[in-house]
Amino acid sequence: MERSKLIQTSWIIYGTALFIGLIFVGFIFVETADTEAGSDGDQSYFAFSTEEISLYAGISLFSIALLMILWNRMTSPYNVAALTFVTSLFLHNLILSVTVGWVGLGAMIILMFGTLITAAMFTFIFIADRKLKNQILVEE
């Protein structure tokens, strides 16, 4: 696999995961807003706590700042995998900062799938990169 195809595949995986994650977040917010129709009734609701919001905002901003600092130091396909993890962490923190109750399980599911996708992307990129380097060495 060529390096440009590897980068394109990484961005497609990221875009697909982001789209599915945003749909899932929307579903979580709709279910939380409609307390009578939800399966858990009044157990999950919107609540704004300044301590929680500042904690999750601090974690998100630190992760984004770290990603921005390391963006140019990482080789091209690896930064997309790191962006996938930071995005899942951001969506996780968004849900947990404005909701209370069982709906937090949805945030954990987003973080779990984001971590699994990131690990799979790192593994796939590493294996494809090694094969590409071995192919270049054989051709020379």
N, C-alpha and C. Protein backbone atom coordinates (compact mmCIF):
# COMPACT_ATOMS: atom_id res chain seq x y z
N MET A 1 0.85 -1.18 0.00
CA MET A 1 0.00 0.00 0.00
C MET A 1 0.90 1.24 0.00
N GLU A 2 0.61 2.15 -0.88
CA GLU A 2 1.38 3.39 -0.96
C GLU A 2 1.08 4.28 0.25
N ARG A 3 2.02 5.16 0.52
CA ARG A 3 1.86 6.04 1.69
C ARG A 3 0.65 6.97 1.53
N SER A 4 0.42 7.46 0.32
CA SER A 4 -0.73 8.36 0.11
C SER A 4 -2.05 7.62 0.33
N LYS A 5 -2.11 6.35 -0.10
CA LYS A 5 -3.31 5.55 0.14
C LYS A 5 -3.50 5.27 1.62
N LEU A 6 -2.40 5.07 2.33
CA LEU A 6 -2.46 4.84 3.77
C LEU A 6 -3.00 6.07 4.50
N ILE A 7 -2.55 7.23 4.10
CA ILE A 7 -3.03 8.48 4.70
C ILE A 7 -4.51 8.69 4.36
N GLN A 8 -4.88 8.43 3.12
CA GLN A 8 -6.28 8.59 2.71
C GLN A 8 -7.18 7.62 3.47
N THR A 9 -6.75 6.38 3.66
CA THR A 9 -7.51 5.39 4.41
C THR A 9 -7.68 5.83 5.86
N SER A 10 -6.62 6.37 6.44
CA SER A 10 -6.70 6.85 7.83
C SER A 10 -7.73 7.97 7.98
N TRP A 11 -7.74 8.91 7.03
CA TRP A 11 -8.71 10.00 7.10
C TRP A 11 -10.14 9.51 6.88
N ILE A 12 -10.32 8.52 6.03
CA ILE A 12 -11.65 7.96 5.81
C ILE A 12 -12.14 7.27 7.07
N ILE A 13 -11.28 6.51 7.72
CA ILE A 13 -11.65 5.85 8.98
C ILE A 13 -11.99 6.89 10.04
N TYR A 14 -11.18 7.94 10.13
CA TYR A 14 -11.45 9.00 11.11
C TYR A 14 -12.79 9.68 10.83
N GLY A 15 -13.04 10.03 9.57
CA GLY A 15 -14.29 10.70 9.22
C GLY A 15 -15.50 9.83 9.50
N THR A 16 -15.40 8.56 9.19
CA THR A 16 -16.51 7.64 9.45
C THR A 16 -16.76 7.51 10.95
N ALA A 17 -15.69 7.34 11.72
CA ALA A 17 -15.83 7.21 13.18
C ALA A 17 -16.39 8.49 13.79
N LEU A 18 -15.95 9.65 13.29
CA LEU A 18 -16.47 10.92 13.80
C LEU A 18 -17.95 11.07 13.49
N PHE A 19 -18.36 10.72 12.29
CA PHE A 19 -19.77 10.81 11.90
C PHE A 19 -20.63 9.91 12.78
N ILE A 20 -20.21 8.68 12.97
CA ILE A 20 -20.96 7.75 13.82
C ILE A 20 -20.98 8.24 15.26
N GLY A 21 -19.86 8.76 15.75
CA GLY A 21 -19.80 9.29 17.11
C GLY A 21 -20.73 10.47 17.31
N LEU A 22 -20.80 11.37 16.34
CA LEU A 22 -21.70 12.52 16.46
C LEU A 22 -23.17 12.11 16.42
N ILE A 23 -23.48 11.11 15.61
CA ILE A 23 -24.85 10.58 15.60
C ILE A 23 -25.18 9.97 16.96
N PHE A 24 -24.24 9.24 17.54
CA PHE A 24 -24.44 8.62 18.85
C PHE A 24 -24.62 9.68 19.94
N VAL A 25 -23.83 10.76 19.88
CA VAL A 25 -23.97 11.85 20.85
C VAL A 25 -25.34 12.51 20.69
N GLY A 26 -25.76 12.74 19.46
CA GLY A 26 -27.09 13.30 19.24
C GLY A 26 -28.18 12.41 19.79
N PHE A 27 -28.06 11.11 19.58
CA PHE A 27 -29.03 10.17 20.13
C PHE A 27 -29.05 10.22 21.65
N ILE A 28 -27.88 10.31 22.27
CA ILE A 28 -27.79 10.40 23.73
C ILE A 28 -28.47 11.66 24.24
N PHE A 29 -28.22 12.79 23.58
CA PHE A 29 -28.82 14.05 24.02
C PHE A 29 -30.33 14.05 23.82
N VAL A 30 -30.82 13.47 22.73
CA VAL A 30 -32.26 13.40 22.50
C VAL A 30 -32.92 12.52 23.55
N GLU A 31 -32.31 11.38 23.86
CA GLU A 31 -32.87 10.49 24.88
C GLU A 31 -32.84 11.14 26.27
N THR A 32 -31.83 11.91 26.54
CA THR A 32 -31.74 12.58 27.83
C THR A 32 -32.74 13.71 27.94
N ALA A 33 -32.99 14.41 26.85
CA ALA A 33 -33.94 15.53 26.87
C ALA A 33 -35.37 15.04 27.03
N ASP A 34 -35.69 13.88 26.48
CA ASP A 34 -37.04 13.34 26.55
C ASP A 34 -37.08 12.30 27.68
N THR A 35 -37.29 12.77 28.91
CA THR A 35 -37.21 11.89 30.07
C THR A 35 -38.36 10.91 30.16
N GLU A 36 -39.49 11.21 29.57
CA GLU A 36 -40.63 10.30 29.66
C GLU A 36 -40.52 9.14 28.67
N ALA A 37 -39.87 9.35 27.54
CA ALA A 37 -39.80 8.31 26.52
C ALA A 37 -38.60 7.41 26.70
N GLY A 38 -37.60 7.85 27.45
CA GLY A 38 -36.39 7.07 27.62
C GLY A 38 -36.61 5.82 28.43
N SER A 39 -35.72 4.86 28.26
CA SER A 39 -35.87 3.60 28.96
C SER A 39 -35.59 3.72 30.45
N ASP A 40 -34.80 4.71 30.84
CA ASP A 40 -34.48 4.85 32.26
C ASP A 40 -35.25 5.99 32.93
N GLY A 41 -36.18 6.59 32.24
CA GLY A 41 -37.04 7.62 32.84
C GLY A 41 -36.26 8.82 33.33
N ASP A 42 -36.45 9.16 34.59
CA ASP A 42 -35.81 10.35 35.16
C ASP A 42 -34.43 10.08 35.75
N GLN A 43 -33.85 8.94 35.48
CA GLN A 43 -32.54 8.63 36.04
C GLN A 43 -31.41 9.38 35.34
N SER A 44 -31.60 9.78 34.11
CA SER A 44 -30.61 10.55 33.37
C SER A 44 -31.20 11.91 33.01
N TYR A 45 -30.42 12.95 33.23
CA TYR A 45 -30.91 14.30 32.94
C TYR A 45 -29.72 15.23 32.70
N PHE A 46 -30.04 16.41 32.15
CA PHE A 46 -29.02 17.42 31.94
C PHE A 46 -28.77 18.17 33.24
N ALA A 47 -27.52 18.37 33.58
CA ALA A 47 -27.15 19.14 34.77
C ALA A 47 -25.80 19.80 34.50
N PHE A 48 -25.69 21.05 34.87
CA PHE A 48 -24.46 21.79 34.65
C PHE A 48 -23.78 22.04 35.99
N SER A 49 -22.63 21.46 36.16
CA SER A 49 -21.82 21.66 37.36
C SER A 49 -20.53 22.34 36.92
N THR A 50 -20.24 23.49 37.49
CA THR A 50 -19.05 24.23 37.05
C THR A 50 -17.76 23.47 37.35
N GLU A 51 -17.74 22.68 38.42
CA GLU A 51 -16.54 21.91 38.73
C GLU A 51 -16.29 20.84 37.68
N GLU A 52 -17.35 20.12 37.31
CA GLU A 52 -17.19 19.07 36.31
C GLU A 52 -16.86 19.65 34.94
N ILE A 53 -17.54 20.71 34.58
CA ILE A 53 -17.28 21.31 33.27
C ILE A 53 -15.84 21.83 33.19
N SER A 54 -15.35 22.47 34.25
CA SER A 54 -13.98 22.96 34.22
C SER A 54 -12.97 21.82 34.21
N LEU A 55 -13.27 20.73 34.91
CA LEU A 55 -12.37 19.57 34.91
C LEU A 55 -12.29 18.95 33.52
N TYR A 56 -13.45 18.68 32.92
CA TYR A 56 -13.46 18.06 31.60
C TYR A 56 -12.93 19.00 30.52
N ALA A 57 -13.19 20.29 30.66
CA ALA A 57 -12.65 21.25 29.70
C ALA A 57 -11.13 21.32 29.81
N GLY A 58 -10.63 21.26 31.03
CA GLY A 58 -9.18 21.26 31.23
C GLY A 58 -8.52 20.04 30.61
N ILE A 59 -9.12 18.87 30.80
CA ILE A 59 -8.58 17.65 30.21
C ILE A 59 -8.62 17.73 28.69
N SER A 60 -9.73 18.20 28.14
CA SER A 60 -9.87 18.32 26.69
C SER A 60 -8.87 19.33 26.12
N LEU A 61 -8.75 20.48 26.74
CA LEU A 61 -7.82 21.50 26.24
C LEU A 61 -6.37 21.03 26.33
N PHE A 62 -6.03 20.31 27.40
CA PHE A 62 -4.68 19.77 27.54
C PHE A 62 -4.40 18.76 26.43
N SER A 63 -5.36 17.90 26.14
CA SER A 63 -5.18 16.89 25.08
C SER A 63 -5.06 17.55 23.71
N ILE A 64 -5.87 18.57 23.47
CA ILE A 64 -5.80 19.26 22.18
C ILE A 64 -4.48 20.02 22.05
N ALA A 65 -4.03 20.65 23.12
CA ALA A 65 -2.75 21.37 23.08
C ALA A 65 -1.59 20.40 22.85
N LEU A 66 -1.62 19.25 23.52
CA LEU A 66 -0.57 18.25 23.33
C LEU A 66 -0.58 17.73 21.90
N LEU A 67 -1.76 17.50 21.35
CA LEU A 67 -1.85 17.05 19.96
C LEU A 67 -1.31 18.11 19.01
N MET A 68 -1.61 19.38 19.27
CA MET A 68 -1.11 20.45 18.40
C MET A 68 0.41 20.57 18.45
N ILE A 69 0.97 20.35 19.64
CA ILE A 69 2.43 20.43 19.78
C ILE A 69 3.10 19.27 19.04
N LEU A 70 2.53 18.08 19.17
CA LEU A 70 3.14 16.89 18.59
C LEU A 70 2.73 16.61 17.15
N TRP A 71 1.81 17.39 16.60
CA TRP A 71 1.26 17.12 15.27
C TRP A 71 2.34 17.03 14.20
N ASN A 72 3.26 17.98 14.16
CA ASN A 72 4.28 18.00 13.12
C ASN A 72 5.41 17.01 13.40
N ARG A 73 5.54 16.57 14.64
CA ARG A 73 6.61 15.62 14.97
C ARG A 73 6.23 14.19 14.63
N MET A 74 4.94 13.91 14.55
CA MET A 74 4.50 12.56 14.19
C MET A 74 4.52 12.41 12.67
N THR A 75 4.78 11.19 12.22
CA THR A 75 4.70 10.96 10.78
C THR A 75 3.24 10.98 10.37
N SER A 76 3.01 11.18 9.11
CA SER A 76 1.69 11.56 8.63
C SER A 76 0.52 10.64 8.99
N PRO A 77 0.56 9.34 8.81
CA PRO A 77 -0.66 8.60 9.16
C PRO A 77 -0.87 8.47 10.67
N TYR A 78 0.18 8.53 11.45
CA TYR A 78 0.04 8.36 12.90
C TYR A 78 -0.70 9.51 13.56
N ASN A 79 -0.58 10.72 13.01
CA ASN A 79 -1.27 11.84 13.64
C ASN A 79 -2.78 11.74 13.49
N VAL A 80 -3.27 11.07 12.46
CA VAL A 80 -4.70 10.88 12.31
C VAL A 80 -5.22 9.91 13.38
N ALA A 81 -4.44 8.89 13.69
CA ALA A 81 -4.83 7.96 14.76
C ALA A 81 -4.86 8.67 16.11
N ALA A 82 -3.89 9.54 16.36
CA ALA A 82 -3.89 10.31 17.61
C ALA A 82 -5.08 11.26 17.65
N LEU A 83 -5.42 11.85 16.52
CA LEU A 83 -6.58 12.73 16.45
C LEU A 83 -7.87 11.96 16.73
N THR A 84 -7.93 10.71 16.32
CA THR A 84 -9.11 9.87 16.59
C THR A 84 -9.30 9.69 18.08
N PHE A 85 -8.21 9.42 18.81
CA PHE A 85 -8.32 9.25 20.25
C PHE A 85 -8.72 10.55 20.94
N VAL A 86 -8.11 11.66 20.55
CA VAL A 86 -8.42 12.95 21.17
C VAL A 86 -9.88 13.33 20.90
N THR A 87 -10.37 13.04 19.71
CA THR A 87 -11.77 13.33 19.40
C THR A 87 -12.72 12.49 20.24
N SER A 88 -12.40 11.21 20.42
CA SER A 88 -13.27 10.37 21.27
C SER A 88 -13.21 10.83 22.72
N LEU A 89 -12.05 11.27 23.17
CA LEU A 89 -11.93 11.81 24.52
C LEU A 89 -12.75 13.09 24.67
N PHE A 90 -12.73 13.94 23.64
CA PHE A 90 -13.51 15.18 23.67
C PHE A 90 -15.01 14.89 23.73
N LEU A 91 -15.49 13.94 22.90
CA LEU A 91 -16.91 13.60 22.92
C LEU A 91 -17.30 12.98 24.27
N HIS A 92 -16.44 12.17 24.83
CA HIS A 92 -16.66 11.58 26.15
C HIS A 92 -16.80 12.68 27.20
N ASN A 93 -15.88 13.62 27.19
CA ASN A 93 -15.92 14.71 28.16
C ASN A 93 -17.13 15.62 27.95
N LEU A 94 -17.54 15.82 26.71
CA LEU A 94 -18.73 16.63 26.43
C LEU A 94 -19.97 16.02 27.05
N ILE A 95 -20.14 14.73 26.87
CA ILE A 95 -21.33 14.06 27.42
C ILE A 95 -21.29 14.09 28.95
N LEU A 96 -20.16 13.75 29.53
CA LEU A 96 -20.08 13.68 30.99
C LEU A 96 -20.18 15.06 31.65
N SER A 97 -19.82 16.11 30.93
CA SER A 97 -19.84 17.43 31.56
C SER A 97 -21.24 18.03 31.62
N VAL A 98 -22.17 17.58 30.80
CA VAL A 98 -23.49 18.20 30.79
C VAL A 98 -24.62 17.25 31.18
N THR A 99 -24.31 15.98 31.47
CA THR A 99 -25.36 15.03 31.83
C THR A 99 -25.04 14.33 33.13
N VAL A 100 -26.08 13.76 33.74
CA VAL A 100 -25.95 12.99 34.96
C VAL A 100 -26.77 11.72 34.80
N GLY A 101 -26.25 10.62 35.26
CA GLY A 101 -27.02 9.38 35.27
C GLY A 101 -26.45 8.32 34.36
N TRP A 102 -27.32 7.38 34.01
CA TRP A 102 -26.92 6.23 33.20
C TRP A 102 -26.44 6.63 31.82
N VAL A 103 -26.78 7.79 31.37
CA VAL A 103 -26.36 8.23 30.04
C VAL A 103 -24.83 8.35 29.96
N GLY A 104 -24.17 8.44 31.10
CA GLY A 104 -22.71 8.45 31.12
C GLY A 104 -22.10 7.17 30.57
N LEU A 105 -22.88 6.10 30.57
CA LEU A 105 -22.42 4.85 29.98
C LEU A 105 -22.19 5.02 28.48
N GLY A 106 -23.01 5.83 27.84
CA GLY A 106 -22.81 6.13 26.42
C GLY A 106 -21.48 6.82 26.17
N ALA A 107 -21.09 7.69 27.09
CA ALA A 107 -19.80 8.36 26.98
C ALA A 107 -18.66 7.35 27.11
N MET A 108 -18.81 6.41 28.01
CA MET A 108 -17.79 5.37 28.17
C MET A 108 -17.69 4.50 26.92
N ILE A 109 -18.83 4.23 26.29
CA ILE A 109 -18.83 3.43 25.06
C ILE A 109 -18.10 4.19 23.95
N ILE A 110 -18.34 5.49 23.84
CA ILE A 110 -17.64 6.29 22.83
C ILE A 110 -16.13 6.25 23.08
N LEU A 111 -15.72 6.42 24.33
CA LEU A 111 -14.28 6.39 24.63
C LEU A 111 -13.69 5.01 24.38
N MET A 112 -14.43 3.96 24.71
CA MET A 112 -13.93 2.60 24.48
C MET A 112 -13.74 2.33 22.99
N PHE A 113 -14.75 2.66 22.18
CA PHE A 113 -14.61 2.45 20.74
C PHE A 113 -13.55 3.36 20.13
N GLY A 114 -13.43 4.57 20.62
CA GLY A 114 -12.36 5.45 20.14
C GLY A 114 -10.98 4.89 20.43
N THR A 115 -10.81 4.31 21.62
CA THR A 115 -9.53 3.71 21.97
C THR A 115 -9.25 2.48 21.13
N LEU A 116 -10.28 1.65 20.90
CA LEU A 116 -10.10 0.46 20.07
C LEU A 116 -9.77 0.82 18.62
N ILE A 117 -10.46 1.81 18.08
CA ILE A 117 -10.19 2.25 16.71
C ILE A 117 -8.79 2.82 16.61
N THR A 118 -8.38 3.60 17.61
CA THR A 118 -7.03 4.17 17.61
C THR A 118 -5.98 3.07 17.66
N ALA A 119 -6.16 2.08 18.53
CA ALA A 119 -5.20 0.98 18.61
C ALA A 119 -5.15 0.20 17.30
N ALA A 120 -6.32 -0.04 16.69
CA ALA A 120 -6.35 -0.75 15.41
C ALA A 120 -5.66 0.07 14.32
N MET A 121 -5.89 1.39 14.33
CA MET A 121 -5.24 2.24 13.33
C MET A 121 -3.73 2.25 13.50
N PHE A 122 -3.25 2.38 14.75
CA PHE A 122 -1.81 2.36 15.00
C PHE A 122 -1.20 1.03 14.53
N THR A 123 -1.86 -0.08 14.83
CA THR A 123 -1.36 -1.39 14.43
C THR A 123 -1.34 -1.53 12.91
N PHE A 124 -2.44 -1.17 12.26
CA PHE A 124 -2.52 -1.25 10.81
C PHE A 124 -1.48 -0.37 10.14
N ILE A 125 -1.33 0.86 10.62
CA ILE A 125 -0.35 1.78 10.04
C ILE A 125 1.07 1.26 10.24
N PHE A 126 1.35 0.72 11.42
CA PHE A 126 2.68 0.20 11.71
C PHE A 126 3.02 -0.97 10.77
N ILE A 127 2.08 -1.91 10.61
CA ILE A 127 2.32 -3.06 9.75
C ILE A 127 2.46 -2.63 8.29
N ALA A 128 1.57 -1.75 7.83
CA ALA A 128 1.64 -1.28 6.44
C ALA A 128 2.92 -0.48 6.19
N ASP A 129 3.35 0.30 7.16
CA ASP A 129 4.57 1.09 7.03
C ASP A 129 5.80 0.18 6.94
N ARG A 130 5.82 -0.87 7.76
CA ARG A 130 6.93 -1.83 7.72
C ARG A 130 6.97 -2.55 6.37
N LYS A 131 5.80 -2.97 5.86
CA LYS A 131 5.76 -3.63 4.56
C LYS A 131 6.24 -2.69 3.46
N LEU A 132 5.86 -1.43 3.55
CA LEU A 132 6.26 -0.44 2.55
C LEU A 132 7.77 -0.24 2.59
N LYS A 133 8.35 -0.16 3.80
CA LYS A 133 9.81 0.01 3.92
C LYS A 133 10.55 -1.21 3.41
N ASN A 134 10.03 -2.41 3.70
CA ASN A 134 10.67 -3.64 3.21
C ASN A 134 10.58 -3.73 1.70
N GLN A 135 9.46 -3.28 1.13
CA GLN A 135 9.29 -3.29 -0.32
C GLN A 135 10.27 -2.33 -0.98
N ILE A 136 10.49 -1.18 -0.37
CA ILE A 136 11.44 -0.20 -0.92
C ILE A 136 12.86 -0.76 -0.84
N LEU A 137 13.22 -1.44 0.26
CA LEU A 137 14.54 -2.03 0.40
C LEU A 137 14.78 -3.14 -0.61
N VAL A 138 13.78 -3.94 -0.90
CA VAL A 138 13.91 -5.04 -1.85
C VAL A 138 14.09 -4.49 -3.27
N GLU A 139 13.40 -3.41 -3.60
CA GLU A 139 13.48 -2.83 -4.93
C GLU A 139 14.85 -2.20 -5.19
N GLU A 140 15.52 -1.76 -4.15
CA GLU A 140 16.83 -1.10 -4.36
C GLU A 140 17.86 -2.13 -4.51
